[in-house]
Protein backbone atom coordinates (compact mmCIF):
# COMPACT_ATOMS: atom_id res chain seq x y z
CA UNK A 1 156.58 135.82 147.54
CA UNK A 2 155.33 134.84 144.12
CA UNK A 3 158.06 132.23 143.73
CA UNK A 4 157.23 130.65 147.09
CA UNK A 5 153.52 130.47 146.13
CA UNK A 6 154.31 128.73 142.84
CA UNK A 7 156.45 126.17 144.63
CA UNK A 8 153.71 125.53 147.17
CA UNK A 9 151.19 124.88 144.38
CA UNK A 10 153.55 122.47 142.67
CA UNK A 11 154.08 120.55 145.92
CA UNK A 12 150.29 120.25 146.43
CA UNK A 13 149.76 118.99 142.87
CA UNK A 14 152.48 116.38 143.27
CA UNK A 15 150.98 115.23 146.54
CA UNK A 16 147.48 114.90 145.05
CA UNK A 17 148.48 113.28 141.77
CA UNK A 18 148.65 109.66 143.06
CA UNK A 19 145.23 109.97 144.67
CA UNK A 20 143.74 111.43 141.51
CA UNK A 21 145.29 108.66 139.42
CA UNK A 22 143.98 106.03 141.80
CA UNK A 23 140.47 107.47 141.44
CA UNK A 24 140.57 107.53 137.64
CA UNK A 25 142.23 104.16 137.13
CA UNK A 26 139.44 102.00 138.60
CA UNK A 27 136.85 103.64 136.33
CA UNK A 28 138.97 102.80 133.32
CA UNK A 29 139.40 99.25 134.54
CA UNK A 30 135.67 98.84 135.14
CA UNK A 31 134.91 100.15 131.67
CA UNK A 32 137.39 97.71 130.20
CA UNK A 33 135.81 94.82 132.14
CA UNK A 34 132.38 95.83 130.87
CA UNK A 35 133.60 95.86 127.27
CA UNK A 36 135.08 92.40 127.81
CA UNK A 37 131.69 91.23 129.08
CA UNK A 38 130.04 92.67 125.96
CA UNK A 39 132.49 90.77 123.76
CA UNK A 40 131.85 87.56 125.70
CA UNK A 41 128.10 88.02 125.27
CA UNK A 42 128.47 88.70 121.56
CA UNK A 43 130.57 85.53 121.28
CA UNK A 44 127.83 83.55 123.07
CA UNK A 45 130.18 82.81 125.97
CA UNK A 46 127.33 83.44 128.35
CA UNK A 47 128.67 81.82 131.53
CA UNK A 48 131.87 83.88 131.37
CA UNK A 49 129.91 87.05 130.60
CA UNK A 50 127.62 86.40 133.58
CA UNK A 51 130.61 85.94 135.93
CA UNK A 52 132.15 89.27 134.81
CA UNK A 53 128.88 91.13 135.10
CA UNK A 54 127.96 89.66 138.49
CA UNK A 55 131.18 91.15 139.84
CA UNK A 56 130.65 94.44 138.04
CA UNK A 57 127.10 94.92 139.31
CA UNK A 58 128.44 94.87 142.87
CA UNK A 59 130.83 97.69 142.02
CA UNK A 60 128.40 99.62 139.82
CA UNK A 61 124.98 99.04 141.40
CA UNK A 62 123.40 101.99 139.58
CA UNK A 63 124.77 101.29 136.12
CA UNK A 64 122.07 101.01 133.47
CA UNK A 65 124.40 99.26 131.03
CA UNK A 66 125.54 96.61 133.51
CA UNK A 67 122.02 95.76 134.71
CA UNK A 68 120.65 95.63 131.17
CA UNK A 69 123.42 93.40 129.85
CA UNK A 70 123.30 91.08 132.86
CA UNK A 71 119.54 90.74 132.38
CA UNK A 72 120.07 89.91 128.69
CA UNK A 73 122.71 87.31 129.57
CA UNK A 74 120.45 85.64 132.14
CA UNK A 75 117.54 85.65 129.71
CA UNK A 76 119.71 84.02 127.04
CA UNK A 77 120.62 81.37 129.62
CA UNK A 78 116.91 80.77 130.26
CA UNK A 79 117.26 82.23 133.74
CA UNK A 80 114.30 84.51 133.14
CA UNK A 81 113.38 85.02 136.78
CA UNK A 82 116.88 86.28 137.61
CA UNK A 83 116.93 88.34 134.42
CA UNK A 84 113.71 90.09 135.33
CA UNK A 85 115.10 91.96 138.34
CA UNK A 86 118.01 93.38 136.37
CA UNK A 87 115.89 94.33 133.35
CA UNK A 88 113.40 96.05 135.66
CA UNK A 89 116.25 97.96 137.32
CA UNK A 90 117.60 98.99 133.91
CA UNK A 91 114.15 100.26 132.88
CA UNK A 92 113.92 102.27 136.10
CA UNK A 93 117.39 103.74 135.62
CA UNK A 94 116.58 104.78 132.04
CA UNK A 95 112.77 105.03 131.80
CA UNK A 96 112.91 106.76 128.40
CA UNK A 97 114.66 103.85 126.70
CA UNK A 98 112.24 102.03 124.39
CA UNK A 99 114.84 99.31 123.90
CA UNK A 100 115.10 98.65 127.64
CA UNK A 101 111.33 98.40 127.97
CA UNK A 102 111.14 96.05 124.98
CA UNK A 103 113.76 93.73 126.48
CA UNK A 104 111.90 93.73 129.78
CA UNK A 105 108.59 93.03 128.00
CA UNK A 106 110.09 90.14 126.04
CA UNK A 107 111.42 88.55 129.22
CA UNK A 108 108.02 89.00 130.90
CA UNK A 109 106.41 87.12 128.02
CA UNK A 110 108.82 84.24 128.66
CA UNK A 111 107.64 84.27 132.28
CA UNK A 112 104.00 84.22 131.05
CA UNK A 113 103.38 87.58 132.73
CA UNK A 114 101.37 88.97 129.85
CA UNK A 115 99.67 91.93 131.55
CA UNK A 116 102.90 93.66 132.65
CA UNK A 117 104.48 92.68 129.33
CA UNK A 118 101.69 94.44 127.45
CA UNK A 119 102.25 97.59 129.52
CA UNK A 120 105.97 97.60 128.70
CA UNK A 121 105.40 97.04 124.97
CA UNK A 122 102.83 99.86 124.99
CA UNK A 123 105.21 102.16 126.85
CA UNK A 124 107.97 101.43 124.33
CA UNK A 125 105.60 102.25 121.47
CA UNK A 126 104.53 105.48 123.19
CA UNK A 127 108.16 106.49 123.60
CA UNK A 128 108.90 105.88 119.91
CA UNK A 129 105.56 106.02 118.07
CA UNK A 130 107.17 106.31 114.63
CA UNK A 131 109.53 103.37 115.12
CA UNK A 132 109.03 100.27 113.00
CA UNK A 133 110.27 98.03 115.81
CA UNK A 134 108.04 99.32 118.61
CA UNK A 135 104.91 99.10 116.44
CA UNK A 136 105.82 95.68 115.04
CA UNK A 137 106.62 94.27 118.47
CA UNK A 138 103.38 95.49 120.04
CA UNK A 139 101.39 94.21 117.08
CA UNK A 140 103.05 90.80 117.27
CA UNK A 141 102.37 90.64 121.00
CA UNK A 142 98.64 91.12 120.42
CA UNK A 143 98.59 88.64 117.54
CA UNK A 144 100.35 86.03 119.69
CA UNK A 145 97.78 86.66 122.42
CA UNK A 146 94.95 86.07 119.93
CA UNK A 147 93.86 89.73 120.10
CA UNK A 148 93.85 90.34 116.35
CA UNK A 149 91.74 93.55 116.33
CA UNK A 150 94.23 95.14 118.73
CA UNK A 151 97.27 93.90 116.85
CA UNK A 152 96.31 94.85 113.31
CA UNK A 153 96.62 98.68 113.72
CA UNK A 154 100.20 98.38 114.98
CA UNK A 155 101.22 95.91 112.26
CA UNK A 156 99.62 98.30 109.76
CA UNK A 157 101.65 101.20 111.11
CA UNK A 158 104.83 99.13 110.96
CA UNK A 159 103.92 98.17 107.38
CA UNK A 160 103.52 101.85 106.47
CA UNK A 161 106.93 102.62 107.96
CA UNK A 162 108.69 99.63 106.39
CA UNK A 163 106.59 98.01 103.64
CA UNK A 164 109.44 95.71 102.60
CA UNK A 165 109.67 94.03 106.03
CA UNK A 166 108.70 90.49 105.09
CA UNK A 167 107.76 89.07 108.50
CA UNK A 168 105.60 92.04 109.44
CA UNK A 169 103.84 92.02 106.07
CA UNK A 170 103.20 88.28 106.19
CA UNK A 171 101.76 88.42 109.70
CA UNK A 172 99.65 91.45 108.82
CA UNK A 173 98.19 89.60 105.83
CA UNK A 174 97.56 86.53 107.97
CA UNK A 175 95.81 88.69 110.57
CA UNK A 176 93.66 90.22 107.84
CA UNK A 177 92.63 86.72 106.71
CA UNK A 178 91.54 85.86 110.23
CA UNK A 179 89.59 89.13 110.50
CA UNK A 180 86.15 89.38 108.93
CA UNK A 181 86.20 91.24 105.63
CA UNK A 182 89.99 91.45 105.49
CA UNK A 183 90.64 89.41 102.35
CA UNK A 184 91.04 92.37 99.99
CA UNK A 185 93.61 94.00 102.29
CA UNK A 186 95.37 90.67 102.81
CA UNK A 187 95.61 90.07 99.06
CA UNK A 188 97.07 93.54 98.48
CA UNK A 189 99.78 93.01 101.11
CA UNK A 190 100.66 89.52 99.83
CA UNK A 191 100.91 90.70 96.22
CA UNK A 192 103.19 93.56 97.28
CA UNK A 193 105.40 91.10 99.17
CA UNK A 194 105.46 88.71 96.21
CA UNK A 195 106.86 91.52 94.08
CA UNK A 196 109.76 91.73 96.53
CA UNK A 197 110.20 88.09 97.48
CA UNK A 198 108.59 85.15 95.71
CA UNK A 199 108.11 82.45 98.37
CA UNK A 200 106.04 79.30 98.72
CA UNK A 201 104.41 80.43 101.95
CA UNK A 202 103.15 83.61 100.29
CA UNK A 203 101.56 81.58 97.49
CA UNK A 204 100.07 79.24 100.09
CA UNK A 205 98.59 82.18 101.99
CA UNK A 206 97.30 83.68 98.74
CA UNK A 207 95.65 80.33 98.06
CA UNK A 208 93.82 80.59 101.37
CA UNK A 209 92.77 84.15 100.58
CA UNK A 210 91.43 83.12 97.16
CA UNK A 211 89.64 80.13 98.68
CA UNK A 212 87.86 82.15 101.36
CA UNK A 213 86.94 84.65 98.62
CA UNK A 214 85.44 81.67 96.71
CA UNK A 215 87.92 82.05 93.85
CA UNK A 216 88.49 78.30 93.82
CA UNK A 217 90.40 77.96 90.55
CA UNK A 218 92.82 80.69 91.59
CA UNK A 219 93.13 79.09 95.03
CA UNK A 220 94.08 75.70 93.57
CA UNK A 221 96.64 77.38 91.32
CA UNK A 222 98.29 79.13 94.27
CA UNK A 223 98.38 75.96 96.38
CA UNK A 224 99.89 74.09 93.46
CA UNK A 225 102.50 76.81 92.93
CA UNK A 226 103.44 76.68 96.63
CA UNK A 227 103.76 72.89 96.54
CA UNK A 228 106.00 72.99 93.47
CA UNK A 229 108.21 75.71 94.95
CA UNK A 230 108.51 73.97 98.30
CA UNK A 231 107.14 70.42 98.39
CA UNK A 232 106.84 70.48 102.17
CA UNK A 233 104.40 68.27 104.02
CA UNK A 234 102.22 71.28 104.76
CA UNK A 235 102.15 72.66 101.21
CA UNK A 236 101.45 69.26 99.66
CA UNK A 237 98.69 68.62 102.16
CA UNK A 238 97.07 72.00 101.49
CA UNK A 239 97.18 71.43 97.73
CA UNK A 240 95.75 67.93 98.00
CA UNK A 241 92.94 68.95 100.35
CA UNK A 242 92.06 71.85 98.07
CA UNK A 243 91.69 69.39 95.20
CA UNK A 244 89.71 67.08 97.44
CA UNK A 245 87.46 69.86 98.63
CA UNK A 246 86.24 70.39 95.06
CA UNK A 247 85.89 66.67 94.35
CA UNK A 248 88.78 66.46 91.89
CA UNK A 249 89.52 63.09 93.43
CA UNK A 250 92.05 61.55 91.04
CA UNK A 251 94.46 64.52 91.14
CA UNK A 252 94.00 64.69 94.92
CA UNK A 253 94.88 61.01 95.28
CA UNK A 254 97.98 61.49 93.13
CA UNK A 255 99.19 64.36 95.31
CA UNK A 256 98.41 62.47 98.51
CA UNK A 257 100.32 59.45 97.22
CA UNK A 258 103.35 61.58 96.33
CA UNK A 259 103.20 63.40 99.68
CA UNK A 260 102.90 60.16 101.63
CA UNK A 261 105.95 58.74 99.87
CA UNK A 262 107.93 61.86 100.81
CA UNK A 263 106.61 62.07 104.37
CA UNK A 264 105.71 58.55 105.49
CA UNK A 265 105.68 59.56 109.17
CA UNK A 266 102.99 62.22 108.78
CA UNK A 267 99.81 61.15 110.67
CA UNK A 268 97.48 63.37 108.68
CA UNK A 269 98.88 62.20 105.34
CA UNK A 270 98.62 58.61 106.48
CA UNK A 271 94.99 59.19 107.42
CA UNK A 272 94.29 60.88 104.10
CA UNK A 273 95.98 58.12 102.05
CA UNK A 274 94.10 55.45 104.00
CA UNK A 275 90.91 57.38 103.26
CA UNK A 276 91.06 56.60 99.53
CA UNK A 277 90.31 52.97 100.36
CA UNK A 278 87.14 53.80 102.28
CA UNK A 279 84.17 55.85 101.12
CA UNK A 280 83.34 56.71 104.74
CA UNK A 281 86.88 57.83 105.46
CA UNK A 282 86.97 59.82 102.23
CA UNK A 283 83.73 61.58 103.15
CA UNK A 284 85.14 62.36 106.58
CA UNK A 285 88.27 63.78 104.98
CA UNK A 286 86.18 65.92 102.64
CA UNK A 287 84.32 67.32 105.65
CA UNK A 288 87.67 68.01 107.29
CA UNK A 289 88.89 69.76 104.17
CA UNK A 290 85.78 71.92 104.11
CA UNK A 291 86.70 73.36 107.49
CA UNK A 292 90.43 73.18 107.12
CA UNK A 293 91.07 76.54 108.75
CA UNK A 294 89.90 75.14 112.08
CA UNK A 295 92.62 74.14 114.51
CA UNK A 296 92.97 70.37 114.51
CA UNK A 297 95.59 67.70 114.66
CA UNK A 298 95.14 67.04 110.98
CA UNK A 299 95.35 70.54 109.67
CA UNK A 300 97.58 72.70 111.82
CA UNK A 301 101.33 72.43 111.61
CA UNK A 302 101.44 72.83 115.38
CA UNK A 303 98.70 73.17 117.96
CA UNK A 304 98.94 76.43 119.87
CA UNK A 305 96.68 77.93 122.49
CA UNK A 306 95.15 80.59 120.27
CA UNK A 307 91.69 81.21 118.83
CA UNK A 308 93.18 81.38 115.34
CA UNK A 309 95.22 78.66 113.70
CA UNK A 310 98.24 80.46 112.26
CA UNK A 311 100.76 78.82 109.99
CA UNK A 312 103.58 79.73 112.33
CA UNK A 313 104.08 81.25 115.71
CA UNK A 314 104.55 84.99 115.96
CA UNK A 315 108.02 86.35 116.33
CA UNK A 316 108.46 88.46 119.39
CA UNK A 317 111.80 90.27 119.50
CA UNK A 318 114.78 88.12 120.41
CA UNK A 319 116.84 89.25 123.39
CA UNK A 320 119.81 90.13 121.25
CA UNK A 321 117.86 92.10 118.68
CA UNK A 322 115.11 93.67 120.76
CA UNK A 323 114.56 97.23 119.70
């Protein structure tokens, strides 16, 4: 009796084995195809990755990983509208993923849907309140939107978590400068960053801090240091206008002449150099220099739709590196 039962069990196992193997094999194949899509994405072979994932999403319609990666691929291809549906689905499938919400928020910003983007950035920060990335990203979002008072606390928190993060520290200092009474805090942050990384843009920003604090000699020194470290059009212009602002005309003319020779296509340098030949133009340039933090064609590196006139646009998380 026992022998017959054992044989019956063996026969059943043999009969079921092919079916079990057929059920397991497709899952392994799908996993392999997904890994291939990941490798294609990492290699920037986006069209091939999209083709693989478009097939996979039909077979795995409830897969968080597939929807998230397909959304990232579409976003990298500048197909933000198509990306949005998949990133939203990924966030619904895994609502506790701060990374998924950050990627969705970043794509919403690209679509100029700022209100839902803000909600997603805030949700990501609430999920991981002690994360450098979630605080930095939310702070940068507010700074980019011109909402400096809202952005500063999150950049401050990110700075406390990771004080050696250069971009966060720079943008925090810049936000302090644009906030009333923030010069002392801005100077402290810049000096801490300079101890870690001596750059021209930090000296340029410190020059602005010293200038607005009415430390004009120190301001000129910082602008000069920045221009020597990186004789860019912007740094040379800032140094020259600082000299011009305080009526040190001969040194200002020398710097403008040197800058114009290096950057002959610069409209604001051309205007400034032409100004030395005309008292009226020179007076106009002095008035411009006196309000050089205002957004204008002459003074901003690029005109952006923001109340402040930052030296560079804020860096929201890239699709590949979104936290």
